[in-house]
Structures are given as structure tokens and as C-alpha cells.
N, C-alpha and C. Protein backbone atom coordinates (compact mmCIF):
# COMPACT_ATOMS: atom_id res chain seq x y z
N UNK A 1 27.71 -64.48 -56.68
CA UNK A 1 26.54 -65.16 -55.95
C UNK A 1 26.68 -64.07 -54.50
N UNK A 2 25.95 -63.28 -53.48
CA UNK A 2 26.43 -62.35 -52.48
C UNK A 2 26.56 -63.57 -51.26
N UNK A 3 27.57 -62.78 -49.98
CA UNK A 3 27.48 -63.58 -48.95
C UNK A 3 26.28 -63.12 -48.07
N UNK A 4 26.53 -64.20 -47.47
CA UNK A 4 24.65 -63.91 -46.61
C UNK A 4 25.75 -63.25 -45.54
N UNK A 5 26.99 -63.15 -44.79
CA UNK A 5 27.54 -62.86 -44.03
C UNK A 5 27.67 -61.40 -43.73
N UNK A 6 28.24 -60.45 -44.88
CA UNK A 6 28.25 -59.31 -45.39
C UNK A 6 26.88 -58.29 -45.41
N UNK A 7 26.54 -57.50 -44.41
CA UNK A 7 25.33 -56.45 -44.90
C UNK A 7 25.63 -56.01 -45.98
N UNK A 8 24.33 -55.72 -46.98
CA UNK A 8 24.54 -54.54 -48.08
C UNK A 8 25.16 -53.40 -47.51
N UNK A 9 25.69 -52.67 -48.43
CA UNK A 9 26.55 -51.44 -48.42
C UNK A 9 25.81 -50.46 -47.81
N UNK A 10 24.57 -50.35 -48.31
CA UNK A 10 23.53 -49.68 -48.27
C UNK A 10 22.74 -49.43 -46.47
N UNK A 11 23.44 -50.42 -45.91
CA UNK A 11 22.87 -50.38 -44.27
C UNK A 11 23.88 -49.45 -43.67
N UNK A 12 23.36 -48.47 -43.36
CA UNK A 12 24.29 -47.43 -42.75
C UNK A 12 24.35 -47.73 -40.86
N UNK A 13 24.83 -47.52 -39.77
CA UNK A 13 23.95 -47.54 -38.77
C UNK A 13 23.73 -46.04 -38.57
N UNK A 14 22.38 -46.49 -37.38
CA UNK A 14 21.83 -45.27 -37.37
C UNK A 14 22.19 -44.18 -36.68
N UNK A 15 22.16 -43.11 -36.60
CA UNK A 15 22.74 -42.19 -35.51
C UNK A 15 21.22 -41.94 -34.55
N UNK A 16 20.26 -42.81 -34.72
CA UNK A 16 18.93 -41.83 -34.06
C UNK A 16 19.45 -42.17 -32.38
N UNK A 17 19.83 -43.39 -31.95
CA UNK A 17 19.87 -43.80 -30.63
C UNK A 17 21.36 -42.84 -30.20
N UNK A 18 22.44 -42.43 -30.53
CA UNK A 18 23.14 -41.53 -30.23
C UNK A 18 22.76 -39.84 -30.02
N UNK A 19 22.02 -39.55 -30.92
CA UNK A 19 21.43 -38.50 -30.55
C UNK A 19 20.20 -38.24 -29.62
N UNK A 20 19.53 -39.33 -29.52
CA UNK A 20 18.27 -39.30 -28.01
C UNK A 20 19.23 -38.82 -26.76
N UNK A 21 20.68 -39.77 -26.78
CA UNK A 21 21.10 -39.93 -25.58
C UNK A 21 21.99 -38.66 -25.45
N UNK A 22 22.68 -38.02 -26.48
CA UNK A 22 23.19 -36.99 -26.12
C UNK A 22 22.03 -35.23 -25.82
N UNK A 23 20.92 -36.25 -26.59
CA UNK A 23 19.35 -35.00 -26.37
C UNK A 23 19.08 -35.19 -24.81
N UNK A 24 18.98 -36.43 -24.41
CA UNK A 24 18.80 -36.42 -22.63
C UNK A 24 19.43 -35.90 -21.76
N UNK A 25 21.26 -36.15 -21.94
CA UNK A 25 21.78 -35.65 -21.19
C UNK A 25 21.87 -33.87 -21.28
N UNK A 26 21.41 -33.42 -22.25
CA UNK A 26 21.41 -32.19 -22.51
C UNK A 26 20.10 -31.31 -21.61
N UNK A 27 18.76 -32.47 -21.89
CA UNK A 27 18.20 -31.83 -20.93
C UNK A 27 18.34 -32.10 -19.23
N UNK A 28 18.80 -32.85 -19.08
CA UNK A 28 19.17 -33.31 -17.75
C UNK A 28 19.58 -32.53 -16.89
N UNK A 29 20.58 -31.71 -17.33
CA UNK A 29 21.89 -31.03 -17.43
C UNK A 29 20.98 -29.28 -17.40
N UNK A 30 20.31 -29.16 -17.92
CA UNK A 30 19.52 -28.32 -18.71
C UNK A 30 18.73 -28.29 -17.06
N UNK A 31 17.90 -28.98 -16.85
CA UNK A 31 16.87 -29.33 -15.78
C UNK A 31 18.12 -28.82 -14.15
N UNK A 32 19.21 -29.22 -14.14
CA UNK A 32 19.67 -29.30 -12.88
C UNK A 32 20.47 -27.64 -12.57
N UNK A 33 20.56 -27.19 -13.59
CA UNK A 33 20.59 -25.88 -13.59
C UNK A 33 19.70 -25.04 -13.01
N UNK A 34 18.77 -25.15 -14.08
CA UNK A 34 17.53 -24.25 -13.72
C UNK A 34 17.16 -24.61 -12.04
N UNK A 35 17.55 -25.52 -11.62
CA UNK A 35 17.14 -25.57 -9.89
C UNK A 35 17.71 -25.59 -9.05
N UNK A 36 18.97 -25.62 -9.76
CA UNK A 36 20.51 -25.33 -8.90
C UNK A 36 20.08 -23.12 -8.87
N UNK A 37 19.51 -23.04 -9.99
CA UNK A 37 19.26 -21.09 -9.87
C UNK A 37 18.30 -21.16 -8.94
N UNK A 38 17.17 -21.70 -9.01
CA UNK A 38 15.58 -21.71 -8.29
C UNK A 38 16.06 -21.38 -7.02
N UNK A 39 16.96 -22.62 -6.46
CA UNK A 39 17.59 -23.03 -4.87
C UNK A 39 18.02 -21.62 -4.16
N UNK A 40 19.12 -21.17 -5.35
CA UNK A 40 20.19 -19.75 -4.91
C UNK A 40 18.94 -18.46 -4.93
N UNK A 41 18.26 -18.96 -5.55
CA UNK A 41 17.33 -17.59 -5.57
C UNK A 41 16.48 -17.53 -4.36
N UNK A 42 16.38 -18.49 -3.83
CA UNK A 42 15.13 -18.81 -2.24
C UNK A 42 16.13 -18.59 -1.88
N UNK A 43 17.35 -18.89 -1.00
CA UNK A 43 18.26 -18.62 -0.55
C UNK A 43 18.59 -17.26 -0.14
N UNK A 44 18.56 -16.54 -1.16
CA UNK A 44 18.38 -14.71 -0.85
C UNK A 44 17.96 -14.69 -0.02
N UNK A 45 16.72 -14.88 -0.58
CA UNK A 45 15.18 -14.40 -0.50
C UNK A 45 15.03 -14.16 1.08
N UNK A 46 15.48 -15.91 1.57
CA UNK A 46 15.47 -16.05 2.94
C UNK A 46 16.24 -15.56 4.12
N UNK A 47 17.39 -15.04 3.44
CA UNK A 47 18.90 -14.43 3.72
C UNK A 47 18.62 -13.36 4.23
N UNK A 48 17.65 -12.68 3.01
CA UNK A 48 17.60 -10.67 3.29
C UNK A 48 16.91 -10.58 4.74
N UNK A 49 15.46 -10.92 4.46
CA UNK A 49 14.72 -10.65 5.67
C UNK A 49 15.68 -10.80 7.32
N UNK A 50 16.53 -11.90 7.23
CA UNK A 50 17.33 -12.37 8.29
C UNK A 50 18.24 -11.44 8.59
N UNK A 51 18.77 -10.49 7.51
CA UNK A 51 19.56 -9.33 7.72
C UNK A 51 18.89 -8.26 8.05
N UNK A 52 17.92 -8.31 7.91
CA UNK A 52 17.22 -6.63 8.35
C UNK A 52 16.76 -6.87 9.58
N UNK A 53 16.44 -7.94 10.10
CA UNK A 53 16.05 -8.41 11.44
C UNK A 53 16.98 -8.37 12.39
N UNK A 54 18.40 -8.14 12.06
CA UNK A 54 19.46 -8.31 12.71
C UNK A 54 19.71 -7.27 13.73
N UNK A 55 19.72 -7.47 15.34
CA UNK A 55 20.14 -6.11 16.49
C UNK A 55 21.00 -5.54 15.65
N UNK A 56 21.04 -4.47 15.84
CA UNK A 56 21.76 -3.44 15.79
C UNK A 56 22.44 -2.66 16.73
N UNK A 57 22.49 -3.15 18.17
CA UNK A 57 23.15 -2.91 19.03
C UNK A 57 24.71 -3.79 19.22
N UNK A 58 25.98 -3.26 20.43
CA UNK A 58 27.17 -3.83 20.11
C UNK A 58 26.89 -5.39 19.94
N UNK A 59 28.13 -6.01 19.57
CA UNK A 59 27.95 -7.71 19.21
C UNK A 59 28.24 -8.41 20.76
N UNK A 60 27.85 -9.44 21.00
CA UNK A 60 28.37 -10.11 22.04
C UNK A 60 29.65 -10.43 22.00
N UNK A 61 30.28 -10.42 21.00
CA UNK A 61 31.72 -10.99 21.00
C UNK A 61 32.44 -10.32 20.52
N UNK A 62 32.21 -8.91 21.06
CA UNK A 62 32.89 -7.88 20.93
C UNK A 62 34.09 -7.99 21.70
N UNK A 63 34.49 -8.66 22.75
CA UNK A 63 35.18 -8.53 23.52
C UNK A 63 36.49 -9.50 23.72
N UNK A 64 35.74 -10.80 22.41
CA UNK A 64 36.59 -11.72 22.51
C UNK A 64 37.99 -11.79 21.70
N UNK A 65 38.76 -12.26 21.82
CA UNK A 65 40.07 -12.06 21.06
C UNK A 65 40.14 -13.13 20.30
N UNK A 66 40.32 -12.27 18.93
CA UNK A 66 40.93 -13.23 17.56
C UNK A 66 42.07 -13.44 17.40
N UNK A 67 42.78 -13.08 18.31
CA UNK A 67 44.59 -14.07 17.96
C UNK A 67 44.62 -15.09 19.11
N UNK A 68 43.94 -15.95 18.48
CA UNK A 68 43.49 -17.09 19.08
C UNK A 68 45.22 -18.04 18.69
N UNK A 69 46.11 -19.10 19.68
CA UNK A 69 47.03 -19.79 19.43
C UNK A 69 46.52 -20.83 18.12
N UNK A 70 47.25 -21.13 17.16
CA UNK A 70 47.01 -21.73 15.96
C UNK A 70 46.20 -21.22 15.20
N UNK A 71 45.66 -20.16 14.80
CA UNK A 71 44.43 -19.48 14.33
C UNK A 71 45.40 -18.46 12.99
N UNK A 72 46.31 -19.06 12.36
CA UNK A 72 47.20 -18.33 11.35
C UNK A 72 48.59 -18.18 12.00
N UNK A 73 49.07 -17.22 10.86
CA UNK A 73 50.44 -17.04 11.61
C UNK A 73 50.60 -16.23 12.78
N UNK A 74 50.81 -16.59 13.59
CA UNK A 74 51.23 -15.87 15.11
C UNK A 74 52.17 -14.55 14.97
N UNK A 75 51.93 -13.52 15.52
CA UNK A 75 53.46 -12.80 15.58
C UNK A 75 54.43 -13.00 16.35
N UNK A 76 55.32 -12.55 16.37
CA UNK A 76 56.66 -13.14 17.43
C UNK A 76 56.53 -12.12 18.16
N UNK A 77 56.88 -12.32 18.97
CA UNK A 77 57.19 -11.40 20.42
C UNK A 77 58.25 -11.43 21.27
N UNK A 78 59.47 -10.87 22.01
CA UNK A 78 60.08 -10.91 22.49
C UNK A 78 59.46 -10.74 24.31
N UNK A 79 59.24 -11.72 25.01
CA UNK A 79 58.62 -11.32 26.47
C UNK A 79 59.39 -12.38 27.27
N UNK A 80 60.48 -13.12 26.74
CA UNK A 80 61.45 -13.87 27.84
C UNK A 80 62.28 -13.00 27.77
N UNK A 81 62.75 -13.20 29.50
CA UNK A 81 63.82 -13.31 29.99
C UNK A 81 65.33 -13.01 28.94
N UNK A 82 66.59 -11.77 28.62
CA UNK A 82 67.19 -11.84 27.96
C UNK A 82 68.16 -13.25 28.48
N UNK A 83 68.97 -13.92 27.57
CA UNK A 83 70.18 -14.71 27.74
C UNK A 83 69.25 -16.05 27.83
N UNK A 84 68.36 -16.74 27.55
CA UNK A 84 67.96 -18.07 27.57
C UNK A 84 69.04 -18.95 26.69
N UNK A 85 69.77 -18.13 25.92
CA UNK A 85 70.40 -19.23 25.54
C UNK A 85 72.06 -19.18 26.07
N UNK A 86 71.81 -18.62 27.02
CA UNK A 86 73.27 -18.51 28.07
C UNK A 86 73.17 -19.43 29.16
N UNK A 87 71.79 -19.74 29.61
CA UNK A 87 71.82 -20.55 30.76
C UNK A 87 72.91 -22.07 30.81
N UNK A 88 72.85 -22.29 31.81
CA UNK A 88 73.53 -23.16 32.14
C UNK A 88 73.12 -25.24 31.60
N UNK A 89 71.86 -24.75 31.47
CA UNK A 89 71.09 -26.17 30.86
C UNK A 89 71.02 -26.00 29.29
N UNK A 90 71.05 -24.66 28.79
CA UNK A 90 71.59 -25.08 27.18
C UNK A 90 73.03 -25.24 26.90
N UNK A 91 73.76 -24.55 27.77
CA UNK A 91 74.99 -24.41 27.56
C UNK A 91 75.66 -26.11 27.06
N UNK A 92 75.25 -26.44 28.47
CA UNK A 92 75.63 -27.84 28.79
C UNK A 92 74.81 -28.64 27.75
N UNK A 93 73.74 -28.73 27.17
CA UNK A 93 73.10 -29.48 26.00
C UNK A 93 74.20 -29.22 24.77
N UNK A 94 74.01 -27.89 24.79
CA UNK A 94 74.81 -26.97 23.34
C UNK A 94 76.81 -28.35 23.41
N UNK A 95 76.86 -28.31 24.70
CA UNK A 95 78.54 -28.83 24.42
C UNK A 95 78.25 -30.40 24.03
N UNK A 96 77.53 -30.44 24.34
CA UNK A 96 77.15 -32.15 24.33
C UNK A 96 76.78 -32.40 22.83
N UNK A 97 75.62 -31.24 22.32
CA UNK A 97 75.45 -31.27 20.82
C UNK A 97 76.69 -31.41 19.98
N UNK A 98 77.57 -30.23 20.53
CA UNK A 98 78.74 -29.85 19.38
C UNK A 98 79.92 -31.12 19.33
N UNK A 99 79.85 -31.59 20.22
CA UNK A 99 80.76 -32.91 20.67
C UNK A 99 79.80 -34.06 19.73
N UNK A 100 78.83 -34.34 19.49
CA UNK A 100 78.20 -35.56 18.76
C UNK A 100 77.98 -35.04 17.72
N UNK A 101 77.92 -33.64 16.72
CA UNK A 101 78.25 -33.54 15.82
C UNK A 101 79.69 -33.36 15.05
N UNK A 102 80.57 -33.00 16.11
CA UNK A 102 82.19 -33.65 15.98
C UNK A 102 82.11 -34.65 15.22
N UNK A 103 81.74 -35.56 16.37
CA UNK A 103 81.89 -37.30 15.88
C UNK A 103 81.05 -37.40 15.05
N UNK A 104 79.68 -37.17 14.64
CA UNK A 104 79.13 -37.59 13.46
C UNK A 104 80.02 -37.22 12.17
N UNK A 105 80.03 -35.96 11.79
CA UNK A 105 81.22 -35.69 10.79
C UNK A 105 82.34 -36.75 10.59
N UNK A 106 83.21 -36.48 12.03
CA UNK A 106 84.23 -37.90 11.84
C UNK A 106 83.52 -38.86 11.14
N UNK A 107 82.38 -39.99 11.67
CA UNK A 107 82.05 -41.32 11.39
C UNK A 107 81.63 -40.75 9.90
N UNK A 108 80.98 -40.15 9.35
CA UNK A 108 81.07 -40.08 8.03
C UNK A 108 81.73 -39.69 6.94
N UNK A 109 83.09 -39.77 7.23
CA UNK A 109 84.17 -39.32 6.78
C UNK A 109 84.65 -40.69 6.83
N UNK A 110 84.54 -41.31 7.82
CA UNK A 110 85.10 -42.78 8.10
C UNK A 110 84.95 -43.98 6.81
N UNK A 111 83.29 -43.36 7.00
CA UNK A 111 82.29 -43.88 6.38
C UNK A 111 83.01 -44.34 5.13
N UNK A 112 83.21 -43.00 3.79
CA UNK A 112 83.59 -42.39 3.17
C UNK A 112 84.63 -43.24 2.65
N UNK A 113 85.72 -43.18 3.26
CA UNK A 113 86.43 -44.21 3.32
C UNK A 113 87.02 -45.61 3.35
N UNK A 114 85.48 -45.64 3.79
CA UNK A 114 85.51 -47.46 3.60
C UNK A 114 85.95 -48.24 4.93
N UNK A 115 86.38 -47.29 6.30
CA UNK A 115 86.60 -47.52 7.71
C UNK A 115 85.39 -47.97 8.31
N UNK A 116 84.82 -48.96 8.18
CA UNK A 116 83.84 -49.21 9.32
C UNK A 116 83.78 -49.50 10.51
N UNK A 117 84.71 -50.02 11.00
CA UNK A 117 84.78 -49.33 12.63
C UNK A 117 85.13 -48.64 13.09
N UNK A 118 86.07 -48.06 12.47
CA UNK A 118 85.68 -46.21 12.96
C UNK A 118 84.74 -45.78 12.68
N UNK A 119 84.00 -45.90 11.38
CA UNK A 119 82.24 -45.14 11.67
C UNK A 119 81.29 -45.69 12.53
N UNK A 120 81.52 -47.29 12.61
CA UNK A 120 80.63 -47.53 13.95
C UNK A 120 81.04 -47.01 15.13
N UNK A 121 82.09 -47.17 15.61
CA UNK A 121 82.51 -46.18 17.00
C UNK A 121 82.58 -45.03 16.88
N UNK A 122 82.64 -44.16 16.11
CA UNK A 122 82.29 -42.77 16.38
C UNK A 122 81.15 -42.55 15.51
N UNK A 123 80.28 -43.14 15.11
CA UNK A 123 78.87 -42.98 14.97
C UNK A 123 78.15 -43.59 16.56
N UNK A 124 78.58 -44.26 17.31
CA UNK A 124 77.57 -44.59 18.21
C UNK A 124 78.14 -43.57 19.49
N UNK A 125 79.19 -42.72 19.35
CA UNK A 125 79.59 -42.19 20.44
C UNK A 125 78.64 -40.76 19.91
N UNK A 126 78.47 -40.34 18.87
CA UNK A 126 77.61 -39.01 18.46
C UNK A 126 76.49 -39.54 18.59
N UNK A 127 76.03 -40.55 18.37
CA UNK A 127 74.78 -40.84 18.84
C UNK A 127 74.30 -40.68 20.38
N UNK A 128 75.24 -41.08 21.16
CA UNK A 128 74.76 -41.03 22.59
C UNK A 128 75.10 -39.67 23.09
N UNK A 129 75.91 -38.85 22.23
CA UNK A 129 75.99 -37.16 23.06
C UNK A 129 75.23 -36.93 22.30
N UNK A 130 74.33 -36.82 21.01
CA UNK A 130 73.32 -35.91 21.12
C UNK A 130 72.33 -36.21 21.25
N UNK A 131 72.13 -37.65 21.74
CA UNK A 131 70.73 -38.03 22.97
C UNK A 131 70.73 -37.50 23.86
N UNK A 132 71.92 -37.22 24.74
CA UNK A 132 72.16 -36.62 26.24
C UNK A 132 71.84 -35.34 25.51
N UNK A 133 72.11 -34.67 24.47
CA UNK A 133 71.74 -32.94 24.40
C UNK A 133 70.67 -33.15 24.36
N UNK A 134 70.44 -34.17 23.97
CA UNK A 134 68.28 -33.71 24.12
C UNK A 134 67.33 -34.08 24.88
N UNK A 135 68.22 -34.85 25.83
CA UNK A 135 67.65 -35.32 26.89
C UNK A 135 67.59 -34.25 28.24
N UNK A 136 69.15 -33.50 27.88
CA UNK A 136 69.12 -32.52 28.69
C UNK A 136 68.57 -31.32 29.04
N UNK A 137 68.01 -31.20 27.58
CA UNK A 137 66.78 -29.81 27.21
C UNK A 137 66.04 -29.78 26.93
N UNK A 138 65.22 -30.89 26.40
CA UNK A 138 63.83 -30.92 26.41
C UNK A 138 62.82 -30.76 27.47
N UNK A 139 63.10 -30.98 28.63
CA UNK A 139 62.11 -30.66 29.72
C UNK A 139 62.24 -29.23 30.30
N UNK A 140 63.02 -28.50 30.18
CA UNK A 140 63.61 -26.95 29.88
C UNK A 140 63.18 -26.49 29.07
N UNK A 141 63.26 -26.56 27.61
CA UNK A 141 62.70 -26.10 26.43
C UNK A 141 61.09 -26.18 26.45
N UNK A 142 60.50 -26.98 26.44
CA UNK A 142 58.84 -27.48 26.92
C UNK A 142 58.37 -26.29 27.51
N UNK A 143 59.39 -26.27 28.67
CA UNK A 143 58.70 -25.28 29.82
C UNK A 143 58.89 -23.99 29.06
N UNK A 144 59.89 -23.62 28.37
CA UNK A 144 60.13 -22.42 27.97
C UNK A 144 59.04 -22.08 26.77
N UNK A 145 58.53 -23.06 25.82
CA UNK A 145 57.40 -22.99 24.86
C UNK A 145 56.53 -22.82 25.08
N UNK A 146 55.76 -23.31 27.08
CA UNK A 146 54.82 -23.21 27.09
C UNK A 146 54.77 -21.61 27.85
N UNK A 147 55.44 -21.27 28.68
CA UNK A 147 55.63 -19.94 29.19
C UNK A 147 55.94 -18.89 28.43
N UNK A 148 56.49 -18.82 27.12
CA UNK A 148 56.47 -17.60 26.44
C UNK A 148 56.19 -18.51 24.76
N UNK A 149 54.69 -18.39 24.86
CA UNK A 149 54.97 -18.91 23.14
C UNK A 149 54.75 -17.85 22.50
N UNK A 150 55.46 -18.05 20.86
CA UNK A 150 55.85 -17.14 19.88
C UNK A 150 56.96 -16.47 19.93
N UNK A 151 57.67 -16.90 21.47
CA UNK A 151 58.59 -15.85 21.70
C UNK A 151 60.07 -16.29 20.70
N UNK A 152 60.68 -14.70 20.72
CA UNK A 152 61.73 -14.95 19.15
C UNK A 152 62.71 -16.04 19.77
N UNK A 153 63.48 -15.45 21.09
CA UNK A 153 64.66 -16.45 21.66
C UNK A 153 64.15 -17.95 21.86
N UNK A 154 63.27 -18.24 22.16
CA UNK A 154 62.19 -19.58 22.06
C UNK A 154 62.45 -20.33 20.87
N UNK A 155 62.28 -19.60 19.68
CA UNK A 155 61.69 -20.44 18.10
C UNK A 155 63.78 -20.22 17.94
N UNK A 156 64.49 -19.58 18.08
CA UNK A 156 66.04 -19.81 18.15
C UNK A 156 66.61 -20.80 18.64
N UNK A 157 66.00 -21.27 19.65
CA UNK A 157 66.27 -22.39 21.08
C UNK A 157 65.92 -23.85 19.84
N UNK A 158 64.62 -23.52 19.66
CA UNK A 158 63.93 -24.48 18.69
C UNK A 158 64.58 -25.16 17.65
N UNK A 159 65.32 -24.01 16.74
CA UNK A 159 65.88 -24.15 15.40
C UNK A 159 67.33 -24.74 15.70
N UNK A 160 67.81 -24.14 16.80
CA UNK A 160 69.14 -25.23 17.47
C UNK A 160 68.93 -26.39 17.54
N UNK A 161 67.80 -26.70 18.65
CA UNK A 161 67.32 -28.03 18.78
C UNK A 161 67.24 -28.86 17.38
N UNK A 162 66.34 -28.72 16.59
CA UNK A 162 66.04 -29.17 14.95
C UNK A 162 66.93 -29.61 14.30
N UNK A 163 68.15 -28.55 14.37
CA UNK A 163 69.65 -29.03 13.51
C UNK A 163 70.20 -30.35 14.76
N UNK A 164 70.41 -30.17 15.94
CA UNK A 164 70.45 -31.18 16.81
C UNK A 164 69.97 -32.77 16.12
N UNK A 165 68.96 -32.48 16.68
CA UNK A 165 67.78 -33.65 16.36
C UNK A 165 68.17 -34.37 14.52
N UNK A 166 68.17 -33.50 13.62
CA UNK A 166 69.17 -34.08 11.81
C UNK A 166 69.82 -34.55 12.14
N UNK A 167 70.99 -34.03 12.78
CA UNK A 167 72.22 -34.52 13.07
C UNK A 167 72.26 -35.82 13.92
N UNK A 168 71.34 -36.28 14.51
CA UNK A 168 70.81 -37.31 14.94
C UNK A 168 70.17 -38.02 14.48
N UNK A 169 69.86 -38.14 13.46
CA UNK A 169 69.18 -38.69 12.09
C UNK A 169 69.94 -39.35 11.70
N UNK A 170 71.23 -38.63 11.46
CA UNK A 170 71.96 -39.40 10.63
C UNK A 170 72.81 -40.38 11.29
N UNK A 171 72.59 -40.78 12.31
CA UNK A 171 73.64 -41.55 13.39
C UNK A 171 72.69 -42.46 14.37
N UNK A 172 71.18 -42.14 14.12
CA UNK A 172 70.65 -42.96 14.47
C UNK A 172 70.40 -44.77 14.79
N UNK A 173 70.99 -44.52 13.07
CA UNK A 173 70.53 -46.16 12.72
C UNK A 173 71.61 -47.23 13.06
N UNK A 174 72.59 -46.79 13.08
CA UNK A 174 74.01 -47.08 13.51
C UNK A 174 74.11 -48.17 15.03
N UNK A 175 74.25 -49.46 14.84
CA UNK A 175 73.99 -50.38 15.91
C UNK A 175 75.07 -50.90 16.23
């Protein structure tokens, strides 16, 4: 006796709906490709007369400089007065920073050795010195950066100040 729940073996699923869906997707894709190529042809035909009617005289933008700040890599120049890193402002800030970096290194060594009291004391002193070095030189550096953009010396000063800032980041969390 055959069970009513089992379909007969000859009743295989029909592939008709799958073939219909695949054919429909292919037809839509083909239509989109044809519409896109027709649109490109229209744009090319519309663009051609505009190019033919373009004025042949000088461009009104010939006098506009293409060297705009922020438009790609700027060419470095040396226009600032020599000896910026030997000025009193920079030397004073650098002295504070060097003291702060030395204290920071000592604090890190104390932390590695497990001496938390020395770590905290030297870390706080390093933090104060590094903050002072940044404060002493920030306004001066910003003025230089504004007066002499893309200057080699100003870029060197920025790199040195970045080193100070990284050192400050290592002791900033100490309270």
C-alpha cells in the first residue's frame, strides 16, 4: 500500500520558473546596457558642437595660479630667515622639552622597575616640563607657519615639536 504523503518518483520539480526568472534578469540587463550606450552617444553628440563653438582666444583664467595651498603636495622652500632654531624662544622651549623627555624616560624606567612613587613624581615633572615647552613655543611656531608656509626650517621645527608632543602623550595620563 502506497503512502499518501510521499509523491510519486516521477513527479520531479519543474525548472520552468527558474528559467523564466533567469531570462527576465538577462532581458532587463540587456535593456539597461542598450539604454546606457544610447545615453553616452547622446552626450558625445551634444558635447561635440560645444567644443567646436569654444572661443579660440586666450583663456580668462590664464593669470590664475594653480599653486593653491592644500591642492596637492606643496614644494618646500627656504624663505625664512636663517637660524630660527637658534632663537631664544625655541632654545628655551627646547631646554624645557629636553628636561621633560629625560624625566619621562626616568619615569618609564621606574615604572618598569615597579617603583610607582618615583614613576608618578618623575612623570608629573616630565608632564609639566613638556607642557611648558609646548606653551612657550606654540604662538611663535604658529606665527612662523603663517608667515613662511612650506618652509624647510619651519617644517623641521614642526617635527621637533611633534617629538615633544609624542613624549607628552606618554606621561599625559599620570595624575
